[in-house]
Amino acid sequence: MGLKRRSVPAVPAADTRGSKRSLQWLAALVLLALPAAFLVFGDRWLDTSGPAANAESAGVQASPPQQDPAAAIDVPDYTPADPMAAPPGQTVVSVTFDDGFRGQARAAEILADAGLQGTFYLNSGNLGSPRYLTLKQAKEIALADHEIGGHTLSHPDIQDLGFQEAARQICQDRANLDGWGFDVTNFAFPFASSTPELESLVSECGYNSARGLGDTAGEGCEDCPETESLRPADPYLLKAPEQVEADWTLQDLQDKVSRAEDNGGWVILTFHGMCPYECTSIDVEEDLFTEFVDWLAKRSTPDQATANDVGNGPGATAPDSVTVASAGNSTVVRTVQQVIGGPNREPAEVPAPEPPAAGENALVNGNLNQWQRDAAPFCWMEGGYGDNRAEFSRSRGPDGSNAAQLVVSDYVDGDAKLITRQDLGECAPAVEPGHRYSLRADYKTETNAQFSVYYRDGQGTWHYWTASPYLDPADDFVHAEWTTPPVPAHTTALTFGIGLIGDGTLVTDNYALYDSNGAPPDQSPAPQPSVQSPAQAPPAQSSPAPAP
C-alpha cells in the first residue's frame, strides 16, 4: 500500500552506568526455546520502525551521540520493601501510563496536584523523540514521587521476536533506565503480549512484576474477576482492565473503582496519551482525566495511608499522626512499586552477537528469499523520510528469485528505501568500531539512488550515519559496492539500504555486508559522485533528518 511519509528528528542517547550481570541463564533457556521459536517466528518479519535518525544532512557523517545533561539529575531512590499490607476489604487503585507520550508530563502534574502518585512505564529508546517525553521530563516525573517502570526499549510486540531479541528488548531497556538513575522494578508488556517464557525473561531481567491488560471483568471478559489480588498469584502477569480509551466516560472510570470496593482488591488502570497533546483512539481528554483524579483523590485521603506507604518507600515506619485505612472507606491510590515491593536487582545483560568473520556476509536474508505474507522480507523493513509516496512490493531478481521493488511518486524531498531491520541483534549485523564495511547489492533504477547507512549506539538507539554518492542509473540489474568510512567508536551495529531519491522505480536484490578486511573481491564499478549527490551538496543543517 502507499505510504505518504514525513521526516522525524533524532532520539538523544546517554551512557549506561552500574555493574551488569551476564544472562548466563539464557543459554539453557535458548536451547529449549529456539526450536519452538523458530517454528513460530522463524519466518516472521516485524515492521519495527525504530527510533528516528539524527538531524544530519545526507552524505555528511553524523557526530557521536551526546550525553543528555538530564542524565545527571538525581531522582529519589527506591528502598526495597515487603509488599503492601493487605487488610480484608482494602481497595487499591494504581494509575499507570504506557509508552511515555509527551502529554504524560501534564498527567503527572495533575496527579501530583491531587496528592496522588502514578506509575509511568517508559520505552527508553523513544525518550526525546517527537511525541514522547524527554529524559528531563521523565526525571521531573520521578522527582514528583511517581514511579518509572520499563516497557521494552522500542515497543515491539515481543511475542513476535526471537527469544534472544526479546531478552535484549526487555533487559536493555531496564539497563538504560537504570543508567539514567531510575530505580526500575516493574514492567508492562507492550500490546499486553505475553507468554510464560516472556514472563520468565522479565524476571531474569530484574523486574518484580509485569502488567497485562484485559484480564479483569469487562467487555469480552465477563467472567473474569473484578480486580487483581493484592497478593497476585502471578506477579509477572498482573491482571488489569482493558486500556482506557477515548470513548471512556467519567462514569466508566468511576465504575472500575466503585465496583471493586464491594469486596476490595487491586484496580490497575492503564492510560496512554492525553488530548490535546495526543488525540487518538487510545487517549483521554485532559479535563476528563482531571475530573477523575479529583474524584479519586477524595476517596484516598492522606489519613488513610498504611504503615507500608509512608516515608521513603513502602515498608517505612508510619508516624503516630497517620492512621491505617478503616473498613467502609478503604480505597487508596498507590504505585505498582508500593503494592508489589521487592528488591531492586542489578540490571542483566544479554550477550550481543559477534561481528562477522572475515569473508562472511553478515546480513540475514540478504538474498530476500524469505518473504512474509503481505509484508517485507524477513529481517527487512520499509523506511524513508521527507515528503514522498512510496509503494513497496515483491519483484524478480537477476536470477528469477525474489527481489524488492520500490516505486516513489509525488516526490518533494527525502527518500524511500528497504532497509535491514533496526533491532538489537536478531537482524542488524554487529560491527567493530574502527573497521570499514563493504556494502553490496544488485539494483536497477532510472533515477537517483544511494546507499544510506545507520548505526546503533551502546544503548540500542539508532542514528543516521552517512550515505554513498549516487549510484549510476541502470536499465538492467548491475552490481553496486561501496565501502564505508571507519565505523565510529560508539557503534555496535549497522543497517543500510538503497534509498530512492526522486520519482521512479528501484528493484534490488542480493544484499551483502562484509568487513572490508577479508571481504571477497568485487568487480562492480564504484558509485560515481554527481553535482546533485547529497555527498557533494548536502542540504542545510535545518533540513529534515534521514530516517530509516
Protein backbone atom coordinates (compact mmCIF):
# COMPACT_ATOMS: atom_id res chain seq x y z
CA MET A 1 0.00 0.00 0.00
CA GLY A 2 1.08 3.61 -0.49
CA LEU A 3 2.73 5.48 2.33
CA LYS A 4 2.96 9.26 2.40
CA ARG A 5 5.84 9.96 4.72
CA ARG A 6 7.10 12.91 6.74
CA SER A 7 10.51 13.23 8.36
CA VAL A 8 11.26 12.86 12.05
CA PRO A 9 14.30 14.10 14.03
CA ALA A 10 16.69 12.46 16.44
CA VAL A 11 16.48 10.44 19.62
CA PRO A 12 19.14 11.53 22.17
CA ALA A 13 21.30 8.91 23.81
CA ALA A 14 23.11 8.64 27.11
CA ASP A 15 25.63 6.31 28.72
CA THR A 16 24.63 3.46 30.98
CA ARG A 17 26.08 3.10 34.48
CA GLY A 18 26.46 0.46 37.13
CA SER A 19 27.67 -3.12 37.04
CA LYS A 20 25.89 -5.71 34.91
CA ARG A 21 25.48 -9.42 35.37
CA SER A 22 25.58 -11.68 32.36
CA LEU A 23 22.45 -13.60 31.48
CA GLN A 24 24.17 -16.96 31.76
CA TRP A 25 20.76 -18.46 32.35
CA LEU A 26 19.89 -17.52 28.79
CA ALA A 27 21.97 -20.22 27.19
CA ALA A 28 19.97 -23.00 28.76
CA LEU A 29 16.64 -21.34 28.00
CA VAL A 30 17.65 -20.70 24.40
CA LEU A 31 18.38 -24.37 23.87
CA LEU A 32 14.84 -25.12 24.96
CA ALA A 33 13.14 -22.19 23.31
CA LEU A 34 14.84 -21.83 19.94
CA PRO A 35 13.36 -24.86 18.16
CA ALA A 36 9.83 -23.79 19.04
CA ALA A 37 10.66 -20.15 18.49
CA PHE A 38 11.92 -20.90 15.00
CA LEU A 39 8.76 -22.77 14.09
CA VAL A 40 6.63 -19.89 15.32
CA PHE A 41 8.77 -16.86 14.49
CA GLY A 42 11.45 -18.11 12.11
CA ASP A 43 9.86 -16.62 9.00
CA ARG A 44 8.09 -13.70 10.63
CA TRP A 45 9.01 -10.12 9.73
CA LEU A 46 8.37 -7.36 12.25
CA ASP A 47 7.79 -3.88 10.86
CA THR A 48 9.67 -2.12 13.66
CA SER A 49 10.36 1.42 12.59
CA GLY A 50 12.77 2.05 15.45
CA PRO A 51 13.96 5.37 16.81
CA ALA A 52 14.45 8.21 14.36
CA ALA A 53 17.69 9.41 12.82
CA ASN A 54 20.00 12.21 13.85
CA ALA A 55 19.36 15.65 12.37
CA GLU A 56 22.30 15.38 10.00
CA SER A 57 22.20 16.02 6.28
CA ALA A 58 22.57 13.09 3.91
CA GLY A 59 26.12 12.27 2.93
CA VAL A 60 27.60 14.03 5.96
CA GLN A 61 28.90 11.78 8.72
CA ALA A 62 26.98 12.16 11.96
CA SER A 63 28.66 13.13 15.22
CA PRO A 64 28.75 10.67 18.13
CA PRO A 65 25.61 10.83 20.26
CA GLN A 66 26.00 13.24 23.15
CA GLN A 67 25.22 12.59 26.80
CA ASP A 68 21.89 14.21 27.70
CA PRO A 69 22.58 16.69 30.54
CA ALA A 70 19.36 15.49 32.18
CA ALA A 71 21.07 12.14 32.87
CA ALA A 72 22.93 13.84 35.72
CA ILE A 73 19.73 14.85 37.54
CA ASP A 74 19.33 12.80 40.71
CA VAL A 75 15.95 11.23 41.41
CA PRO A 76 14.66 9.58 44.60
CA ASP A 77 15.96 6.13 45.41
CA TYR A 78 13.66 3.17 45.93
CA THR A 79 14.13 1.41 49.24
CA PRO A 80 13.48 -2.33 48.81
CA ALA A 81 10.44 -3.32 50.83
CA ASP A 82 7.91 -6.01 51.55
CA PRO A 83 4.63 -5.98 49.60
CA MET A 84 1.97 -3.59 50.78
CA ALA A 85 -0.20 -4.70 53.70
CA ALA A 86 -3.47 -6.27 52.52
CA PRO A 87 -6.19 -5.98 55.17
CA PRO A 88 -9.54 -7.57 54.23
CA GLY A 89 -11.69 -5.29 52.08
CA GLN A 90 -8.80 -2.99 51.13
CA THR A 91 -9.21 -1.46 47.66
CA VAL A 92 -6.08 -0.16 45.94
CA VAL A 93 -6.06 1.82 42.69
CA SER A 94 -2.91 2.20 40.59
CA VAL A 95 -2.97 4.84 37.85
CA THR A 96 -0.50 3.70 35.19
CA PHE A 97 0.63 5.20 31.88
CA ASP A 98 2.28 3.38 28.98
CA ASP A 99 4.69 4.47 26.23
CA GLY A 100 5.93 7.82 27.58
CA PHE A 101 3.90 10.12 25.34
CA ARG A 102 4.64 13.80 25.97
CA GLY A 103 1.17 14.55 27.37
CA GLN A 104 2.05 12.34 30.32
CA ALA A 105 4.11 15.19 31.75
CA ARG A 106 0.83 17.03 32.25
CA ALA A 107 -0.82 13.89 33.63
CA ALA A 108 1.92 13.64 36.25
CA GLU A 109 1.25 17.25 37.26
CA ILE A 110 -2.47 16.58 37.61
CA LEU A 111 -1.82 13.57 39.81
CA ALA A 112 0.70 15.45 41.96
CA ASP A 113 -1.65 18.43 42.37
CA ALA A 114 -4.21 15.99 43.80
CA GLY A 115 -1.67 14.41 46.12
CA LEU A 116 -1.56 11.14 44.17
CA GLN A 117 1.25 9.13 42.61
CA GLY A 118 1.23 7.16 39.37
CA THR A 119 3.34 4.59 37.55
CA PHE A 120 4.81 5.53 34.16
CA TYR A 121 6.04 2.64 32.01
CA LEU A 122 8.59 4.09 29.57
CA ASN A 123 10.36 2.90 26.42
CA SER A 124 13.91 4.16 26.90
CA GLY A 125 14.64 4.19 23.16
CA ASN A 126 11.79 6.62 22.48
CA LEU A 127 12.61 9.27 25.07
CA GLY A 128 13.36 12.54 23.31
CA SER A 129 11.68 11.55 20.06
CA PRO A 130 8.80 13.63 18.66
CA ARG A 131 5.55 12.95 20.57
CA TYR A 132 7.45 11.47 23.53
CA LEU A 133 8.74 12.70 26.87
CA THR A 134 12.28 14.00 27.07
CA LEU A 135 14.67 12.49 29.59
CA LYS A 136 14.40 15.72 31.57
CA GLN A 137 10.61 15.37 31.73
CA ALA A 138 10.95 11.76 32.85
CA LYS A 139 13.29 12.90 35.63
CA GLU A 140 10.76 15.57 36.67
CA ILE A 141 8.06 12.90 36.85
CA ALA A 142 10.26 10.80 39.14
CA LEU A 143 11.12 13.86 41.25
CA ALA A 144 7.38 14.29 41.88
CA ASP A 145 7.46 10.83 43.53
CA HIS A 146 5.88 8.99 40.63
CA GLU A 147 7.22 5.56 39.71
CA ILE A 148 9.14 4.90 36.49
CA GLY A 149 8.70 1.40 35.04
CA GLY A 150 10.03 -0.44 31.98
CA HIS A 151 8.15 -1.19 28.75
CA THR A 152 10.90 -2.53 26.38
CA LEU A 153 13.38 -0.37 24.52
CA SER A 154 11.36 0.39 21.38
CA HIS A 155 7.85 -1.06 21.99
CA PRO A 156 7.84 -4.05 19.63
CA ASP A 157 5.41 -6.91 20.04
CA ILE A 158 7.97 -9.09 21.81
CA GLN A 159 5.91 -12.21 21.19
CA ASP A 160 6.85 -11.78 17.51
CA LEU A 161 10.59 -11.62 18.23
CA GLY A 162 13.17 -14.32 18.56
CA PHE A 163 13.94 -15.35 22.12
CA GLN A 164 17.25 -13.51 22.48
CA GLU A 165 15.95 -10.39 20.75
CA ALA A 166 13.04 -10.26 23.19
CA ALA A 167 15.52 -10.61 26.07
CA ARG A 168 17.55 -7.71 24.71
CA GLN A 169 14.46 -5.54 24.36
CA ILE A 170 13.45 -6.14 27.98
CA CYS A 171 16.87 -6.13 29.64
CA GLN A 172 18.47 -3.30 27.62
CA ASP A 173 15.52 -1.06 28.39
CA ARG A 174 15.90 -1.64 32.12
CA ALA A 175 19.67 -1.15 31.89
CA ASN A 176 19.18 2.17 30.08
CA LEU A 177 16.72 3.46 32.66
CA ASP A 178 18.98 2.29 35.46
CA GLY A 179 21.88 4.05 33.79
CA TRP A 180 19.94 7.30 33.89
CA GLY A 181 19.41 6.90 37.63
CA PHE A 182 15.90 5.46 37.79
CA ASP A 183 15.19 2.57 40.17
CA VAL A 184 13.06 0.47 37.83
CA THR A 185 11.47 -2.63 39.35
CA ASN A 186 8.20 -3.17 37.43
CA PHE A 187 7.35 -3.81 33.78
CA ALA A 188 4.36 -3.69 31.43
CA PHE A 189 4.06 -5.88 28.33
CA PRO A 190 3.70 -3.86 25.08
CA PHE A 191 0.38 -4.77 23.45
CA ALA A 192 -0.25 -6.92 26.57
CA SER A 193 1.56 -9.62 24.60
CA SER A 194 2.96 -12.27 26.91
CA THR A 195 3.84 -15.94 27.20
CA PRO A 196 5.20 -17.98 30.14
CA GLU A 197 8.64 -17.77 28.51
CA LEU A 198 8.43 -13.98 28.29
CA GLU A 199 7.30 -13.77 31.90
CA SER A 200 10.46 -15.65 32.85
CA LEU A 201 12.55 -13.23 30.80
CA VAL A 202 11.01 -10.28 32.65
CA SER A 203 12.01 -11.83 35.94
CA GLU A 204 15.52 -12.63 34.77
CA CYS A 205 15.97 -9.04 33.61
CA GLY A 206 15.45 -7.98 37.23
CA TYR A 207 11.82 -6.93 37.41
CA ASN A 208 9.46 -7.80 40.25
CA SER A 209 6.22 -7.73 38.22
CA ALA A 210 4.76 -7.36 34.75
CA ARG A 211 1.35 -5.95 33.89
CA GLY A 212 -1.01 -7.32 31.27
CA LEU A 213 -4.36 -5.95 30.06
CA GLY A 214 -7.94 -7.12 29.77
CA ASP A 215 -7.89 -9.86 32.41
CA THR A 216 -10.45 -8.36 34.80
CA ALA A 217 -14.20 -8.09 34.34
CA GLY A 218 -15.20 -6.13 31.28
CA GLU A 219 -16.30 -6.43 27.67
CA GLY A 220 -15.09 -9.77 26.35
CA CYS A 221 -14.11 -10.96 29.82
CA GLU A 222 -17.44 -11.03 31.65
CA ASP A 223 -16.49 -13.99 33.84
CA CYS A 224 -13.15 -12.52 34.88
CA PRO A 225 -12.56 -11.23 38.43
CA GLU A 226 -13.30 -7.57 39.17
CA THR A 227 -9.79 -6.93 40.46
CA GLU A 228 -6.30 -8.27 40.80
CA SER A 229 -5.37 -9.62 44.22
CA LEU A 230 -3.08 -7.60 46.48
CA ARG A 231 -1.13 -10.86 46.63
CA PRO A 232 -1.11 -11.72 42.91
CA ALA A 233 -0.98 -15.40 42.06
CA ASP A 234 1.22 -14.47 39.05
CA PRO A 235 3.05 -11.17 39.61
CA TYR A 236 4.54 -11.45 36.11
CA LEU A 237 1.11 -11.18 34.51
CA LEU A 238 -0.79 -8.73 36.68
CA LYS A 239 -4.49 -8.64 35.87
CA ALA A 240 -5.77 -5.25 34.75
CA PRO A 241 -8.87 -3.90 33.00
CA GLU A 242 -8.70 -3.21 29.30
CA GLN A 243 -6.82 0.01 28.49
CA VAL A 244 -8.65 3.30 28.91
CA GLU A 245 -9.63 4.72 25.52
CA ALA A 246 -11.09 7.91 24.11
CA ASP A 247 -14.69 6.70 24.34
CA TRP A 248 -14.50 6.07 28.11
CA THR A 249 -16.66 8.34 30.23
CA LEU A 250 -16.14 9.59 33.76
CA GLN A 251 -18.74 7.04 34.87
CA ASP A 252 -16.77 4.24 33.20
CA LEU A 253 -13.68 5.18 35.17
CA GLN A 254 -15.55 5.59 38.43
CA ASP A 255 -17.30 2.24 37.95
CA LYS A 256 -13.97 0.41 37.77
CA VAL A 257 -13.20 1.71 41.25
CA SER A 258 -16.63 1.58 42.89
CA ARG A 259 -17.33 -2.00 41.78
CA ALA A 260 -14.01 -3.09 43.25
CA GLU A 261 -14.95 -1.55 46.59
CA ASP A 262 -17.62 -4.19 47.16
CA ASN A 263 -15.01 -6.80 48.01
CA GLY A 264 -11.68 -4.97 47.79
CA GLY A 265 -8.70 -5.77 45.61
CA TRP A 266 -6.32 -4.06 43.22
CA VAL A 267 -7.53 -1.98 40.24
CA ILE A 268 -4.72 -1.18 37.79
CA LEU A 269 -5.90 1.45 35.29
CA THR A 270 -3.90 1.92 32.08
CA PHE A 271 -3.76 5.23 30.21
CA HIS A 272 -1.70 6.29 27.20
CA GLY A 273 -1.80 9.83 25.79
CA MET A 274 -3.73 12.90 26.84
CA CYS A 275 -5.60 15.19 24.48
CA PRO A 276 -4.79 17.96 23.40
CA TYR A 277 -1.21 16.62 23.41
CA GLU A 278 -2.19 13.27 21.86
CA CYS A 279 -5.66 12.75 20.46
CA THR A 280 -6.00 9.22 19.10
CA SER A 281 -8.47 6.48 19.94
CA ILE A 282 -6.41 5.37 22.97
CA ASP A 283 -6.02 8.84 24.52
CA VAL A 284 -8.22 10.68 27.01
CA GLU A 285 -9.22 14.32 27.33
CA GLU A 286 -7.27 16.29 29.92
CA ASP A 287 -10.48 17.62 31.51
CA LEU A 288 -11.88 14.11 31.90
CA PHE A 289 -8.66 12.85 33.48
CA THR A 290 -8.55 15.81 35.86
CA GLU A 291 -12.13 15.25 36.91
CA PHE A 292 -11.47 11.57 37.55
CA VAL A 293 -8.30 12.25 39.53
CA ASP A 294 -10.09 14.80 41.69
CA TRP A 295 -12.87 12.26 42.35
CA LEU A 296 -10.32 9.56 43.11
CA ALA A 297 -8.34 11.79 45.48
CA LYS A 298 -11.41 12.31 47.64
CA ARG A 299 -11.62 8.53 48.11
CA SER A 300 -7.96 8.28 49.12
CA THR A 301 -7.43 10.86 51.86
CA PRO A 302 -3.98 11.36 53.44
CA ASP A 303 -5.04 9.88 56.78
CA GLN A 304 -5.75 6.52 55.16
CA ALA A 305 -2.13 5.63 54.39
CA THR A 306 -0.95 2.29 55.69
CA ALA A 307 2.33 1.79 57.52
CA ASN A 308 3.84 0.36 54.33
CA ASP A 309 3.07 3.53 52.35
CA VAL A 310 4.68 6.27 54.42
CA GLY A 311 8.21 7.56 54.42
CA ASN A 312 10.97 6.62 51.99
CA GLY A 313 9.16 3.95 50.01
CA PRO A 314 6.97 1.01 51.00
CA GLY A 315 7.82 -0.57 54.29
CA ALA A 316 8.86 2.60 56.12
CA THR A 317 7.51 3.22 59.63
CA ALA A 318 4.37 5.34 59.87
CA PRO A 319 4.38 8.33 62.19
CA ASP A 320 1.82 8.50 65.01
CA SER A 321 -0.26 11.04 63.10
CA VAL A 322 -1.05 8.56 60.32
CA THR A 323 -3.86 6.04 60.63
CA VAL A 324 -4.49 2.86 58.74
CA ALA A 325 -7.40 2.76 56.31
CA SER A 326 -10.57 1.71 58.02
CA ALA A 327 -13.30 -0.58 56.75
CA GLY A 328 -16.02 1.18 54.79
CA ASN A 329 -13.68 3.85 53.44
CA SER A 330 -10.60 1.90 52.47
CA THR A 331 -9.77 2.96 48.92
CA VAL A 332 -6.21 4.17 48.45
CA VAL A 333 -4.10 5.09 45.41
CA ARG A 334 -0.66 3.52 45.23
CA THR A 335 2.03 2.97 42.62
CA VAL A 336 2.72 -0.55 41.43
CA GLN A 337 6.04 -0.39 43.23
CA GLN A 338 4.30 0.45 46.52
CA VAL A 339 1.99 -2.54 46.16
CA ILE A 340 4.47 -5.14 44.89
CA GLY A 341 7.56 -4.10 46.84
CA GLY A 342 10.53 -6.39 46.34
CA PRO A 343 14.24 -5.85 45.72
CA ASN A 344 15.98 -3.51 43.30
CA ARG A 345 18.13 -6.02 41.45
CA GLU A 346 21.15 -5.28 39.28
CA PRO A 347 20.33 -4.94 35.56
CA ALA A 348 21.06 -8.03 33.48
CA GLU A 349 22.97 -8.04 30.23
CA VAL A 350 22.17 -10.22 27.22
CA PRO A 351 25.29 -11.10 25.20
CA ALA A 352 25.34 -9.28 21.86
CA PRO A 353 26.01 -11.14 18.59
CA GLU A 354 29.61 -11.18 17.39
CA PRO A 355 30.71 -9.15 14.34
CA PRO A 356 31.07 -11.19 11.12
CA ALA A 357 34.21 -13.18 10.48
CA ALA A 358 36.43 -12.25 7.57
CA GLY A 359 34.72 -13.07 4.28
CA GLU A 360 31.30 -13.66 5.92
CA ASN A 361 28.18 -11.88 4.68
CA ALA A 362 26.75 -10.51 7.93
CA LEU A 363 23.22 -9.97 6.61
CA VAL A 364 20.32 -12.25 7.48
CA ASN A 365 18.21 -12.95 4.38
CA GLY A 366 20.36 -10.72 2.19
CA ASN A 367 19.03 -12.52 -0.90
CA LEU A 368 15.43 -11.56 0.11
CA ASN A 369 14.20 -15.10 -0.40
CA GLN A 370 12.31 -15.24 2.92
CA TRP A 371 9.19 -13.10 2.49
CA GLN A 372 6.26 -12.57 4.78
CA ARG A 373 2.67 -12.60 3.63
CA ASP A 374 1.67 -9.04 2.64
CA ALA A 375 4.81 -7.64 4.28
CA ALA A 376 8.51 -7.07 3.74
CA PRO A 377 11.22 -9.74 3.69
CA PHE A 378 12.27 -11.26 6.99
CA CYS A 379 14.84 -9.02 8.73
CA TRP A 380 13.99 -6.05 6.48
CA MET A 381 11.75 -3.03 6.95
CA GLU A 382 10.26 -0.24 4.88
CA GLY A 383 11.82 3.14 5.63
CA GLY A 384 12.38 6.65 4.41
CA TYR A 385 11.92 10.29 5.25
CA GLY A 386 10.71 13.54 3.75
CA ASP A 387 7.65 14.27 1.65
CA ASN A 388 7.04 11.49 -0.89
CA ARG A 389 4.80 8.49 -1.53
CA ALA A 390 6.31 5.00 -1.51
CA GLU A 391 4.90 1.69 -2.78
CA PHE A 392 6.78 -1.47 -1.74
CA SER A 393 6.20 -4.84 -3.41
CA ARG A 394 7.83 -8.12 -4.40
CA SER A 395 9.53 -8.49 -7.77
CA ARG A 396 12.03 -10.79 -9.51
CA GLY A 397 15.80 -10.57 -9.20
CA PRO A 398 18.51 -11.20 -11.79
CA ASP A 399 18.31 -14.97 -11.24
CA GLY A 400 14.49 -15.05 -11.15
CA SER A 401 14.25 -15.35 -7.37
CA ASN A 402 12.61 -12.86 -5.03
CA ALA A 403 13.61 -9.22 -5.19
CA ALA A 404 12.20 -5.99 -3.73
CA GLN A 405 10.54 -3.29 -5.81
CA LEU A 406 10.03 0.28 -4.69
CA VAL A 407 8.03 2.89 -6.60
CA VAL A 408 8.20 6.52 -5.48
CA SER A 409 5.73 9.16 -6.66
CA ASP A 410 4.68 12.67 -5.62
CA TYR A 411 8.29 13.29 -4.66
CA VAL A 412 9.13 16.57 -2.96
CA ASP A 413 12.14 15.67 -0.82
CA GLY A 414 13.72 12.92 1.28
CA ASP A 415 13.97 9.31 0.18
CA ALA A 416 12.33 5.87 0.49
CA LYS A 417 14.11 2.55 0.91
CA LEU A 418 14.03 -1.04 2.00
CA ILE A 419 16.48 -1.27 4.90
CA THR A 420 17.83 -4.02 7.10
CA ARG A 421 15.74 -4.11 10.27
CA GLN A 422 16.94 -1.85 13.05
CA ASP A 423 16.85 -4.11 16.08
CA LEU A 424 19.15 -5.21 18.88
CA GLY A 425 20.87 -8.11 17.16
CA GLU A 426 18.44 -10.58 15.64
CA CYS A 427 18.81 -8.92 12.22
CA ALA A 428 21.10 -5.90 12.48
CA PRO A 429 24.72 -7.03 11.96
CA ALA A 430 27.22 -6.31 14.74
CA VAL A 431 30.34 -4.40 13.67
CA GLU A 432 33.76 -3.47 15.05
CA PRO A 433 34.47 0.21 15.73
CA GLY A 434 37.26 1.48 13.50
CA HIS A 435 36.61 -1.10 10.76
CA ARG A 436 35.31 -0.26 7.30
CA TYR A 437 32.50 -2.28 5.74
CA SER A 438 31.78 -3.24 2.15
CA LEU A 439 28.08 -2.74 1.26
CA ARG A 440 26.83 -4.56 -1.85
CA ALA A 441 23.59 -5.11 -3.77
CA ASP A 442 22.18 -5.76 -7.21
CA TYR A 443 19.88 -2.98 -8.42
CA LYS A 444 18.22 -1.31 -11.38
CA THR A 445 16.66 2.15 -11.50
CA GLU A 446 16.19 5.07 -13.83
CA THR A 447 16.67 7.77 -11.20
CA ASN A 448 18.89 8.83 -8.32
CA ALA A 449 19.67 6.24 -5.64
CA GLN A 450 22.35 5.80 -3.00
CA PHE A 451 23.40 3.63 -0.07
CA SER A 452 22.18 5.10 3.23
CA VAL A 453 23.75 3.84 6.47
CA TYR A 454 22.59 3.93 10.10
CA TYR A 455 24.37 2.95 13.30
CA ARG A 456 23.28 1.67 16.69
CA ASP A 457 24.86 3.06 19.84
CA GLY A 458 25.61 1.24 23.08
CA GLN A 459 22.12 1.87 24.45
CA GLY A 460 20.37 0.34 21.47
CA THR A 461 19.32 3.62 19.86
CA TRP A 462 19.60 4.05 16.11
CA HIS A 463 21.04 7.13 14.37
CA TYR A 464 21.67 8.21 10.79
CA TRP A 465 25.35 7.98 9.92
CA THR A 466 26.31 8.55 6.28
CA ALA A 467 25.49 7.92 2.62
CA SER A 468 27.32 6.99 -0.57
CA PRO A 469 27.50 9.07 -3.72
CA TYR A 470 24.67 8.44 -6.17
CA LEU A 471 24.65 5.13 -8.00
CA ASP A 472 24.55 5.18 -11.77
CA PRO A 473 21.08 4.66 -13.31
CA ALA A 474 20.73 1.23 -14.93
CA ASP A 475 18.02 -0.27 -17.15
CA ASP A 476 19.02 -3.82 -16.18
CA PHE A 477 20.49 -5.27 -13.00
CA VAL A 478 24.00 -4.16 -12.12
CA HIS A 479 26.03 -4.86 -9.00
CA ALA A 480 26.96 -1.97 -6.69
CA GLU A 481 29.63 -1.86 -3.98
CA TRP A 482 30.53 0.96 -1.60
CA THR A 483 32.92 0.88 1.33
CA THR A 484 32.04 2.92 4.38
CA PRO A 485 34.40 5.20 6.28
CA PRO A 486 35.79 3.73 9.54
CA VAL A 487 32.98 2.94 11.96
CA PRO A 488 32.84 5.40 14.90
CA ALA A 489 33.98 4.26 18.34
CA HIS A 490 30.48 4.28 19.85
CA THR A 491 28.93 1.98 17.23
CA THR A 492 27.67 -1.56 17.94
CA ALA A 493 25.82 -2.37 14.69
CA LEU A 494 24.98 -1.04 11.23
CA THR A 495 21.97 -1.21 8.95
CA PHE A 496 21.68 0.08 5.41
CA GLY A 497 19.52 0.25 2.33
CA ILE A 498 19.47 1.83 -1.10
CA GLY A 499 17.38 4.97 -0.97
CA LEU A 500 15.42 6.16 -4.00
CA ILE A 501 15.64 9.94 -4.29
CA GLY A 502 13.00 11.11 -6.74
CA ASP A 503 10.04 9.72 -8.66
CA GLY A 504 10.83 6.38 -10.21
CA THR A 505 11.24 2.64 -9.69
CA LEU A 506 14.01 0.76 -7.90
CA VAL A 507 14.41 -3.03 -7.84
CA THR A 508 17.05 -4.53 -5.52
CA ASP A 509 18.35 -7.98 -4.59
CA ASN A 510 21.37 -9.87 -3.22
CA TYR A 511 22.42 -7.50 -0.47
CA ALA A 512 25.64 -8.11 1.45
CA LEU A 513 27.73 -6.54 4.20
CA TYR A 514 31.34 -7.62 4.67
CA ASP A 515 34.15 -6.41 6.86
CA SER A 516 36.39 -4.81 4.23
CA ASN A 517 39.35 -6.62 5.78
CA GLY A 518 38.99 -10.04 4.20
CA ALA A 519 35.96 -9.27 2.02
CA PRO A 520 35.71 -11.24 -1.24
CA PRO A 521 36.75 -9.24 -4.30
CA ASP A 522 34.10 -7.18 -6.01
CA GLN A 523 34.23 -6.23 -9.69
CA SER A 524 31.42 -3.68 -9.75
CA PRO A 525 32.20 -0.07 -10.68
CA ALA A 526 32.36 2.35 -7.76
CA PRO A 527 29.46 4.77 -7.34
CA GLN A 528 30.20 8.00 -9.17
CA PRO A 529 29.66 11.34 -7.41
CA SER A 530 27.44 13.83 -9.18
CA VAL A 531 26.83 17.51 -8.57
CA GLN A 532 23.34 16.65 -7.29
CA SER A 533 24.53 13.96 -4.90
CA PRO A 534 23.90 14.69 -1.21
CA ALA A 535 27.51 13.62 -0.65
CA GLN A 536 28.62 16.63 -2.68
CA ALA A 537 25.84 19.14 -1.95
CA PRO A 538 24.28 18.49 1.44
CA PRO A 539 21.08 20.35 2.33
CA ALA A 540 21.06 22.91 5.11
CA GLN A 541 21.54 21.64 8.64
CA SER A 542 17.92 22.57 9.39
CA SER A 543 16.70 20.09 6.79
CA PRO A 544 14.75 17.03 7.94
CA ALA A 545 16.89 14.15 9.10
CA PRO A 546 17.12 10.97 7.05
CA ALA A 547 15.07 8.35 8.84
CA PRO A 548 15.08 4.59 8.47
